[in-house]
């Protein structure tokens, strides 16, 4: 039975949002694997598209992985010609991360596959409700982002900003 008290819905809401995100990632991952990309690779490329020029530590924070783990992943992606590290002009010990041209077609393919997954996920939901759902989730996301400690890197906006 549903309670009219919004506070009583906190845990069910959080679990539902978590499950939706997890199932979406899995569905996209299953399709993107046909491109030869792992989940870690396509997520890194997608976030780097929105954060080009960032440092490794900032990207690791957004991806919620250890910087050393990201470092090894980036080493492989650099060797594949997808990403490059450039010296940071503001700190000679640091590097900034950039996508290489070979990553762009892969991102186009990831976007196409993601659109198909989204269409499947939204099956049965009227178009106007889809727009409304994305709007309100964006509001909730913004509210939660405002609660983050100062200096915390922003999470790439996946609702208002699309991949290429």
C-alpha atoms as a PDB file:
ATOM      1  CA  UNK A   1       0.000   0.000   0.000  1.00  0.00           C
ATOM      2  CA  UNK A   2       1.346   3.456  -0.932  1.00  0.00           C
ATOM      3  CA  UNK A   3       1.674   6.022   1.805  1.00  0.00           C
ATOM      4  CA  UNK A   4       0.688   9.650   1.095  1.00  0.00           C
ATOM      5  CA  UNK A   5       3.714  10.720   3.180  1.00  0.00           C
ATOM      6  CA  UNK A   6       6.573  11.536   0.724  1.00  0.00           C
ATOM      7  CA  UNK A   7       9.180  10.736   3.403  1.00  0.00           C
ATOM      8  CA  UNK A   8       7.843   7.168   3.557  1.00  0.00           C
ATOM      9  CA  UNK A   9       8.609   6.828  -0.168  1.00  0.00           C
ATOM     10  CA  UNK A  10      12.302   7.773   0.150  1.00  0.00           C
ATOM     11  CA  UNK A  11      13.706   4.252   0.161  1.00  0.00           C
ATOM     12  CA  UNK A  12      11.394   2.866  -2.547  1.00  0.00           C
ATOM     13  CA  UNK A  13      12.175   5.913  -4.720  1.00  0.00           C
ATOM     14  CA  UNK A  14      15.934   5.577  -4.231  1.00  0.00           C
ATOM     15  CA  UNK A  15      15.863   1.855  -4.950  1.00  0.00           C
ATOM     16  CA  UNK A  16      13.721   2.325  -8.049  1.00  0.00           C
ATOM     17  CA  UNK A  17      16.013   5.030  -9.449  1.00  0.00           C
ATOM     18  CA  UNK A  18      19.059   2.881  -8.679  1.00  0.00           C
ATOM     19  CA  UNK A  19      17.476  -0.153 -10.368  1.00  0.00           C
ATOM     20  CA  UNK A  20      16.450   1.834 -13.440  1.00  0.00           C
ATOM     21  CA  UNK A  21      19.994   3.194 -13.807  1.00  0.00           C
ATOM     22  CA  UNK A  22      21.511  -0.257 -13.315  1.00  0.00           C
ATOM     23  CA  UNK A  23      19.193  -1.900 -15.863  1.00  0.00           C
ATOM     24  CA  UNK A  24      19.781   0.918 -18.361  1.00  0.00           C
ATOM     25  CA  UNK A  25      23.573   0.558 -18.015  1.00  0.00           C
ATOM     26  CA  UNK A  26      23.307  -3.203 -18.461  1.00  0.00           C
ATOM     27  CA  UNK A  27      21.071  -2.910 -21.518  1.00  0.00           C
ATOM     28  CA  UNK A  28      23.321  -0.315 -23.155  1.00  0.00           C
ATOM     29  CA  UNK A  29      26.409  -2.326 -22.214  1.00  0.00           C
ATOM     30  CA  UNK A  30      25.035  -5.486 -23.840  1.00  0.00           C
ATOM     31  CA  UNK A  31      24.577  -3.605 -27.112  1.00  0.00           C
ATOM     32  CA  UNK A  32      27.792  -1.576 -26.942  1.00  0.00           C
ATOM     33  CA  UNK A  33      29.857  -4.734 -26.442  1.00  0.00           C
ATOM     34  CA  UNK A  34      29.143  -5.439 -30.137  1.00  0.00           C
ATOM     35  CA  UNK A  35      31.347  -2.389 -30.852  1.00  0.00           C
ATOM     36  CA  UNK A  36      34.209  -3.941 -28.887  1.00  0.00           C
ATOM     37  CA  UNK A  37      33.875  -1.525 -25.969  1.00  0.00           C
ATOM     38  CA  UNK A  38      33.610  -2.494 -22.325  1.00  0.00           C
ATOM     39  CA  UNK A  39      31.232  -0.686 -19.983  1.00  0.00           C
ATOM     40  CA  UNK A  40      34.198   1.119 -18.431  1.00  0.00           C
ATOM     41  CA  UNK A  41      35.374   2.281 -21.856  1.00  0.00           C
ATOM     42  CA  UNK A  42      32.064   3.580 -23.192  1.00  0.00           C
ATOM     43  CA  UNK A  43      31.236   5.319 -19.915  1.00  0.00           C
ATOM     44  CA  UNK A  44      34.694   6.915 -19.890  1.00  0.00           C
ATOM     45  CA  UNK A  45      34.290   8.122 -23.483  1.00  0.00           C
ATOM     46  CA  UNK A  46      30.789   9.481 -22.817  1.00  0.00           C
ATOM     47  CA  UNK A  47      31.848  11.407 -19.705  1.00  0.00           C
ATOM     48  CA  UNK A  48      35.056  12.605 -21.322  1.00  0.00           C
ATOM     49  CA  UNK A  49      33.010  13.977 -24.224  1.00  0.00           C
ATOM     50  CA  UNK A  50      31.261  16.261 -21.714  1.00  0.00           C
ATOM     51  CA  UNK A  51      34.389  16.989 -19.668  1.00  0.00           C
ATOM     52  CA  UNK A  52      37.142  17.315 -22.277  1.00  0.00           C
ATOM     53  CA  UNK A  53      40.218  18.948 -20.847  1.00  0.00           C
ATOM     54  CA  UNK A  54      39.559  17.624 -17.333  1.00  0.00           C
ATOM     55  CA  UNK A  55      42.167  15.996 -15.162  1.00  0.00           C
ATOM     56  CA  UNK A  56      42.167  12.272 -14.457  1.00  0.00           C
ATOM     57  CA  UNK A  57      41.148  12.736 -10.806  1.00  0.00           C
ATOM     58  CA  UNK A  58      38.015  14.699 -11.768  1.00  0.00           C
ATOM     59  CA  UNK A  59      36.987  12.067 -14.312  1.00  0.00           C
ATOM     60  CA  UNK A  60      37.628   9.260 -11.810  1.00  0.00           C
ATOM     61  CA  UNK A  61      35.384  11.040  -9.296  1.00  0.00           C
ATOM     62  CA  UNK A  62      32.507  11.308 -11.781  1.00  0.00           C
ATOM     63  CA  UNK A  63      32.952   7.683 -12.855  1.00  0.00           C
ATOM     64  CA  UNK A  64      33.175   6.692  -9.180  1.00  0.00           C
ATOM     65  CA  UNK A  65      36.334   4.651  -9.673  1.00  0.00           C
ATOM     66  CA  UNK A  66      39.802   4.934  -8.178  1.00  0.00           C
ATOM     67  CA  UNK A  67      42.207   7.226 -10.078  1.00  0.00           C
ATOM     68  CA  UNK A  68      44.719   4.373 -10.424  1.00  0.00           C
ATOM     69  CA  UNK A  69      42.034   2.164 -11.984  1.00  0.00           C
ATOM     70  CA  UNK A  70      41.136   4.936 -14.412  1.00  0.00           C
ATOM     71  CA  UNK A  71      44.828   5.440 -15.136  1.00  0.00           C
ATOM     72  CA  UNK A  72      45.195   1.846 -16.334  1.00  0.00           C
ATOM     73  CA  UNK A  73      42.009   2.136 -18.395  1.00  0.00           C
ATOM     74  CA  UNK A  74      43.272   5.378 -19.957  1.00  0.00           C
ATOM     75  CA  UNK A  75      46.630   3.753 -20.748  1.00  0.00           C
ATOM     76  CA  UNK A  76      44.770   1.142 -22.827  1.00  0.00           C
ATOM     77  CA  UNK A  77      42.507   3.734 -24.447  1.00  0.00           C
ATOM     78  CA  UNK A  78      45.519   5.901 -25.334  1.00  0.00           C
ATOM     79  CA  UNK A  79      47.188   2.866 -26.936  1.00  0.00           C
ATOM     80  CA  UNK A  80      43.970   2.275 -28.920  1.00  0.00           C
ATOM     81  CA  UNK A  81      44.092   5.843 -30.232  1.00  0.00           C
ATOM     82  CA  UNK A  82      40.849   6.913 -28.523  1.00  0.00           C
ATOM     83  CA  UNK A  83      42.127   9.292 -25.833  1.00  0.00           C
ATOM     84  CA  UNK A  84      45.206  11.411 -25.277  1.00  0.00           C
ATOM     85  CA  UNK A  85      46.807  13.035 -22.268  1.00  0.00           C
ATOM     86  CA  UNK A  86      48.118  16.567 -22.735  1.00  0.00           C
ATOM     87  CA  UNK A  87      50.237  18.488 -20.244  1.00  0.00           C
ATOM     88  CA  UNK A  88      48.161  20.787 -18.039  1.00  0.00           C
ATOM     89  CA  UNK A  89      49.453  24.348 -18.587  1.00  0.00           C
ATOM     90  CA  UNK A  90      48.482  25.238 -15.018  1.00  0.00           C
ATOM     91  CA  UNK A  91      50.270  22.323 -13.337  1.00  0.00           C
ATOM     92  CA  UNK A  92      53.281  20.648 -14.911  1.00  0.00           C
ATOM     93  CA  UNK A  93      52.682  17.494 -12.836  1.00  0.00           C
ATOM     94  CA  UNK A  94      49.155  17.007 -14.205  1.00  0.00           C
ATOM     95  CA  UNK A  95      47.645  16.053 -17.535  1.00  0.00           C
ATOM     96  CA  UNK A  96      44.384  16.973 -19.205  1.00  0.00           C
ATOM     97  CA  UNK A  97      42.348  14.369 -21.079  1.00  0.00           C
ATOM     98  CA  UNK A  98      41.037  14.715 -24.627  1.00  0.00           C
ATOM     99  CA  UNK A  99      39.205  12.508 -27.093  1.00  0.00           C
ATOM    100  CA  UNK A 100      40.979  11.672 -30.331  1.00  0.00           C
ATOM    101  CA  UNK A 101      39.142  11.648 -33.689  1.00  0.00           C
ATOM    102  CA  UNK A 102      38.817   7.829 -33.638  1.00  0.00           C
ATOM    103  CA  UNK A 103      36.556   8.100 -30.567  1.00  0.00           C
ATOM    104  CA  UNK A 104      33.909  10.225 -32.311  1.00  0.00           C
ATOM    105  CA  UNK A 105      32.399   7.507 -34.540  1.00  0.00           C
ATOM    106  CA  UNK A 106      32.301   5.156 -31.554  1.00  0.00           C
ATOM    107  CA  UNK A 107      30.434   7.780 -29.551  1.00  0.00           C
ATOM    108  CA  UNK A 108      27.966   8.172 -32.437  1.00  0.00           C
ATOM    109  CA  UNK A 109      27.377   4.411 -32.351  1.00  0.00           C
ATOM    110  CA  UNK A 110      27.010   4.399 -28.548  1.00  0.00           C
ATOM    111  CA  UNK A 111      24.475   7.211 -28.825  1.00  0.00           C
ATOM    112  CA  UNK A 112      22.459   5.336 -31.474  1.00  0.00           C
ATOM    113  CA  UNK A 113      22.400   2.187 -29.378  1.00  0.00           C
ATOM    114  CA  UNK A 114      21.474   4.198 -26.261  1.00  0.00           C
ATOM    115  CA  UNK A 115      18.560   5.791 -28.095  1.00  0.00           C
ATOM    116  CA  UNK A 116      17.257   2.322 -28.981  1.00  0.00           C
ATOM    117  CA  UNK A 117      17.537   1.193 -25.357  1.00  0.00           C
ATOM    118  CA  UNK A 118      15.735   4.337 -24.189  1.00  0.00           C
ATOM    119  CA  UNK A 119      12.922   3.714 -26.674  1.00  0.00           C
ATOM    120  CA  UNK A 120      12.570   0.156 -25.385  1.00  0.00           C
ATOM    121  CA  UNK A 121      12.670   1.341 -21.766  1.00  0.00           C
ATOM    122  CA  UNK A 122       9.979   3.959 -22.418  1.00  0.00           C
ATOM    123  CA  UNK A 123       7.665   1.572 -24.289  1.00  0.00           C
ATOM    124  CA  UNK A 124       4.114   2.225 -23.147  1.00  0.00           C
ATOM    125  CA  UNK A 125       4.927   5.641 -21.670  1.00  0.00           C
ATOM    126  CA  UNK A 126       3.213   8.464 -23.620  1.00  0.00           C
ATOM    127  CA  UNK A 127       5.643  10.961 -25.194  1.00  0.00           C
ATOM    128  CA  UNK A 128       4.422  13.863 -23.047  1.00  0.00           C
ATOM    129  CA  UNK A 129       4.955  11.776 -19.895  1.00  0.00           C
ATOM    130  CA  UNK A 130       8.463  10.881 -21.064  1.00  0.00           C
ATOM    131  CA  UNK A 131       9.325  14.574 -21.366  1.00  0.00           C
ATOM    132  CA  UNK A 132       7.771  15.271 -17.982  1.00  0.00           C
ATOM    133  CA  UNK A 133       9.638  12.360 -16.367  1.00  0.00           C
ATOM    134  CA  UNK A 134      12.994  13.541 -17.718  1.00  0.00           C
ATOM    135  CA  UNK A 135      12.248  17.090 -16.592  1.00  0.00           C
ATOM    136  CA  UNK A 136      11.412  16.095 -13.014  1.00  0.00           C
ATOM    137  CA  UNK A 137      14.351  13.722 -12.763  1.00  0.00           C
ATOM    138  CA  UNK A 138      16.564  16.609 -13.883  1.00  0.00           C
ATOM    139  CA  UNK A 139      15.085  18.781 -11.113  1.00  0.00           C
ATOM    140  CA  UNK A 140      15.713  16.034  -8.525  1.00  0.00           C
ATOM    141  CA  UNK A 141      19.258  15.602  -9.843  1.00  0.00           C
ATOM    142  CA  UNK A 142      19.921  19.351  -9.569  1.00  0.00           C
ATOM    143  CA  UNK A 143      18.573  19.409  -6.016  1.00  0.00           C
ATOM    144  CA  UNK A 144      20.828  16.512  -5.035  1.00  0.00           C
ATOM    145  CA  UNK A 145      23.819  18.038  -6.803  1.00  0.00           C
ATOM    146  CA  UNK A 146      23.331  21.201  -4.732  1.00  0.00           C
ATOM    147  CA  UNK A 147      23.751  19.068  -1.591  1.00  0.00           C
ATOM    148  CA  UNK A 148      27.230  17.917  -2.672  1.00  0.00           C
ATOM    149  CA  UNK A 149      30.239  19.322  -0.783  1.00  0.00           C
ATOM    150  CA  UNK A 150      31.951  22.374  -2.293  1.00  0.00           C
ATOM    151  CA  UNK A 151      34.734  21.476  -4.688  1.00  0.00           C
ATOM    152  CA  UNK A 152      33.064  18.235  -5.709  1.00  0.00           C
ATOM    153  CA  UNK A 153      33.282  17.868  -9.523  1.00  0.00           C
ATOM    154  CA  UNK A 154      29.929  18.268 -11.280  1.00  0.00           C
ATOM    155  CA  UNK A 155      28.277  15.216 -12.764  1.00  0.00           C
ATOM    156  CA  UNK A 156      27.903  15.418 -16.531  1.00  0.00           C
ATOM    157  CA  UNK A 157      24.353  16.426 -17.427  1.00  0.00           C
ATOM    158  CA  UNK A 158      22.850  13.495 -19.304  1.00  0.00           C
ATOM    159  CA  UNK A 159      19.365  14.945 -19.667  1.00  0.00           C
ATOM    160  CA  UNK A 160      20.014  18.349 -21.216  1.00  0.00           C
ATOM    161  CA  UNK A 161      23.226  17.594 -23.093  1.00  0.00           C
ATOM    162  CA  UNK A 162      23.409  14.835 -25.657  1.00  0.00           C
ATOM    163  CA  UNK A 163      26.326  13.025 -27.140  1.00  0.00           C
ATOM    164  CA  UNK A 164      27.380  14.159 -30.602  1.00  0.00           C
END
